[in-house]
C-alpha atoms as a PDB file:
ATOM      1  CA  MET A   1     161.004 263.070   6.255  1.00  0.00           C
ATOM      2  CA  LEU A   2     159.784 265.871   8.178  1.00  0.00           C
ATOM      3  CA  ALA A   3     159.214 268.922   6.389  1.00  0.00           C
ATOM      4  CA  ALA A   4     157.870 272.718   8.453  1.00  0.00           C
ATOM      5  CA  PHE A   5     157.046 275.036   6.488  1.00  0.00           C
ATOM      6  CA  SER A   6     155.212 278.654   5.995  1.00  0.00           C
ATOM      7  CA  ILE A   7     153.094 280.132   2.977  1.00  0.00           C
ATOM      8  CA  SER A   8     152.906 283.942   2.681  1.00  0.00           C
ATOM      9  CA  PRO A   9     150.712 285.054  -0.064  1.00  0.00           C
ATOM     10  CA  MET A  10     150.874 288.902  -0.928  1.00  0.00           C
ATOM     11  CA  SER A  11     147.497 290.375   0.002  1.00  0.00           C
ATOM     12  CA  SER A  12     146.027 293.789  -1.289  1.00  0.00           C
ATOM     13  CA  ASP A  13     143.843 293.296   1.725  1.00  0.00           C
ATOM     14  CA  PRO A  14     144.235 296.849   3.695  1.00  0.00           C
ATOM     15  CA  THR A  15     143.818 294.779   7.019  1.00  0.00           C
ATOM     16  CA  GLY A  16     146.465 292.719   5.884  1.00  0.00           C
ATOM     17  CA  SER A  17     144.843 289.900   6.792  1.00  0.00           C
ATOM     18  CA  VAL A  18     145.432 286.572   4.585  1.00  0.00           C
ATOM     19  CA  THR A  19     143.699 284.205   7.080  1.00  0.00           C
ATOM     20  CA  GLU A  20     141.650 282.710   4.350  1.00  0.00           C
ATOM     21  CA  ALA A  21     144.002 282.019   1.896  1.00  0.00           C
ATOM     22  CA  VAL A  22     146.487 280.445   4.622  1.00  0.00           C
ATOM     23  CA  ALA A  23     143.400 278.621   5.566  1.00  0.00           C
ATOM     24  CA  GLU A  24     142.704 276.942   1.700  1.00  0.00           C
ATOM     25  CA  ALA A  25     146.799 275.583   2.147  1.00  0.00           C
ATOM     26  CA  VAL A  26     146.135 274.223   5.626  1.00  0.00           C
ATOM     27  CA  ARG A  27     143.192 272.519   3.986  1.00  0.00           C
ATOM     28  CA  VAL A  28     145.483 270.697   1.125  1.00  0.00           C
ATOM     29  CA  VAL A  29     147.371 269.529   4.091  1.00  0.00           C
ATOM     30  CA  ARG A  30     144.565 268.229   6.008  1.00  0.00           C
ATOM     31  CA  ALA A  31     142.890 266.155   2.614  1.00  0.00           C
ATOM     32  CA  SER A  32     146.328 264.874   1.832  1.00  0.00           C
ATOM     33  CA  GLY A  33     145.781 262.419   4.853  1.00  0.00           C
ATOM     34  CA  LEU A  34     149.903 262.910   6.091  1.00  0.00           C
ATOM     35  CA  PRO A  35     150.358 263.365  10.034  1.00  0.00           C
ATOM     36  CA  HIS A  36     150.803 267.193   9.968  1.00  0.00           C
ATOM     37  CA  GLU A  37     150.706 269.902  12.802  1.00  0.00           C
ATOM     38  CA  THR A  38     149.692 273.562  12.272  1.00  0.00           C
ATOM     39  CA  THR A  39     150.565 275.968  14.278  1.00  0.00           C
ATOM     40  CA  SER A  40     150.973 279.937  14.214  1.00  0.00           C
ATOM     41  CA  MET A  41     154.051 280.032  12.296  1.00  0.00           C
ATOM     42  CA  PHE A  42     154.124 276.930  10.444  1.00  0.00           C
ATOM     43  CA  THR A  43     152.708 273.502   9.234  1.00  0.00           C
ATOM     44  CA  THR A  44     154.904 270.640   9.740  1.00  0.00           C
ATOM     45  CA  ILE A  45     154.127 267.649   7.422  1.00  0.00           C
ATOM     46  CA  GLU A  46     155.527 264.029   7.957  1.00  0.00           C
ATOM     47  CA  GLY A  47     156.152 261.531   5.026  1.00  0.00           C
ATOM     48  CA  GLU A  48     158.335 260.134   2.075  1.00  0.00           C
ATOM     49  CA  TRP A  49     159.956 263.106  -0.132  1.00  0.00           C
ATOM     50  CA  ASP A  50     157.805 263.028  -2.729  1.00  0.00           C
ATOM     51  CA  GLU A  51     154.473 262.893  -0.848  1.00  0.00           C
ATOM     52  CA  VAL A  52     155.176 265.701   1.138  1.00  0.00           C
ATOM     53  CA  MET A  53     156.607 267.749  -1.288  1.00  0.00           C
ATOM     54  CA  ALA A  54     153.876 267.165  -3.750  1.00  0.00           C
ATOM     55  CA  VAL A  55     151.334 268.340  -1.004  1.00  0.00           C
ATOM     56  CA  VAL A  56     153.793 272.012  -0.649  1.00  0.00           C
ATOM     57  CA  LYS A  57     153.735 272.273  -4.034  1.00  0.00           C
ATOM     58  CA  GLN A  58     149.450 272.210  -4.186  1.00  0.00           C
ATOM     59  CA  ALA A  59     149.323 273.932  -0.822  1.00  0.00           C
ATOM     60  CA  VAL A  60     151.644 276.677  -2.771  1.00  0.00           C
ATOM     61  CA  ASP A  61     149.519 276.147  -6.085  1.00  0.00           C
ATOM     62  CA  ALA A  62     146.243 276.941  -3.573  1.00  0.00           C
ATOM     63  CA  VAL A  63     147.127 280.284  -2.074  1.00  0.00           C
ATOM     64  CA  ALA A  64     148.670 281.163  -5.626  1.00  0.00           C
ATOM     65  CA  GLN A  65     144.738 280.878  -6.823  1.00  0.00           C
ATOM     66  CA  VAL A  66     143.955 284.090  -4.563  1.00  0.00           C
ATOM     67  CA  SER A  67     147.817 285.790  -4.481  1.00  0.00           C
ATOM     68  CA  PRO A  68     149.648 287.016  -7.558  1.00  0.00           C
ATOM     69  CA  ARG A  69     152.750 286.318  -5.732  1.00  0.00           C
ATOM     70  CA  VAL A  70     153.681 283.792  -2.963  1.00  0.00           C
ATOM     71  CA  GLY A  71     156.756 283.501  -0.734  1.00  0.00           C
ATOM     72  CA  LEU A  72     157.476 280.003   1.069  1.00  0.00           C
ATOM     73  CA  VAL A  73     159.766 278.965   3.782  1.00  0.00           C
ATOM     74  CA  LEU A  74     160.633 275.572   4.096  1.00  0.00           C
ATOM     75  CA  LYS A  75     162.916 273.613   6.468  1.00  0.00           C
ATOM     76  CA  ALA A  76     162.764 269.844   6.558  1.00  0.00           C
ATOM     77  CA  ASP A  77     164.656 267.206   8.383  1.00  0.00           C
ATOM     78  CA  ILE A  78     165.388 264.306   6.117  1.00  0.00           C
ATOM     79  CA  ARG A  79     166.065 261.340   8.065  1.00  0.00           C
ATOM     80  CA  PRO A  80     165.391 257.914   5.721  1.00  0.00           C
ATOM     81  CA  GLY A  81     163.948 254.996   7.940  1.00  0.00           C
ATOM     82  CA  PHE A  82     162.243 257.173  10.855  1.00  0.00           C
ATOM     83  CA  THR A  83     158.453 257.308  10.781  1.00  0.00           C
ATOM     84  CA  GLY A  84     156.424 258.867  13.961  1.00  0.00           C
ATOM     85  CA  GLN A  85     158.862 262.174  14.501  1.00  0.00           C
ATOM     86  CA  LEU A  86     155.980 264.273  14.509  1.00  0.00           C
ATOM     87  CA  THR A  87     155.383 263.357  17.402  1.00  0.00           C
ATOM     88  CA  ALA A  88     158.553 261.482  18.863  1.00  0.00           C
ATOM     89  CA  LYS A  89     161.168 264.208  18.655  1.00  0.00           C
ATOM     90  CA  VAL A  90     158.596 266.529  21.265  1.00  0.00           C
ATOM     91  CA  GLU A  91     158.343 263.190  23.134  1.00  0.00           C
ATOM     92  CA  ARG A  92     162.119 263.115  24.044  1.00  0.00           C
ATOM     93  CA  ILE A  93     162.249 266.632  24.455  1.00  0.00           C
ATOM     94  CA  GLU A  94     159.177 266.341  27.495  1.00  0.00           C
ATOM     95  CA  GLN A  95     161.210 263.383  28.764  1.00  0.00           C
ATOM     96  CA  ALA A  96     164.343 265.081  29.122  1.00  0.00           C
ATOM     97  CA  LEU A  97     162.529 268.095  31.048  1.00  0.00           C
ATOM     98  CA  ALA A  98     160.433 265.963  33.476  1.00  0.00           C
ATOM     99  CA  GLU A  99     163.725 264.141  34.158  1.00  0.00           C
ATOM    100  CA  ASP A 100     164.680 267.713  35.275  1.00  0.00           C
END
């Protein structure tokens, strides 16, 4: 499965910066050893249901340690029997574009 998620801590920082809290969540994802990609809006992680959801929970818990309230947006592509889709999906799009 692929899961794209975004964790939004509530911040009392007057600058509105949530960088350090989000960095903690990304550290959790990177430490998991699962294939992942972080962009400006989401982190996508690939693995089996239980392992992916455990990482998402750990990431939320890491942010909750510094924020009294946490928002989570999660989108999942659940397709049993398929792996390597984190890059394969993008490669298929790039191939289609190259054919133009």
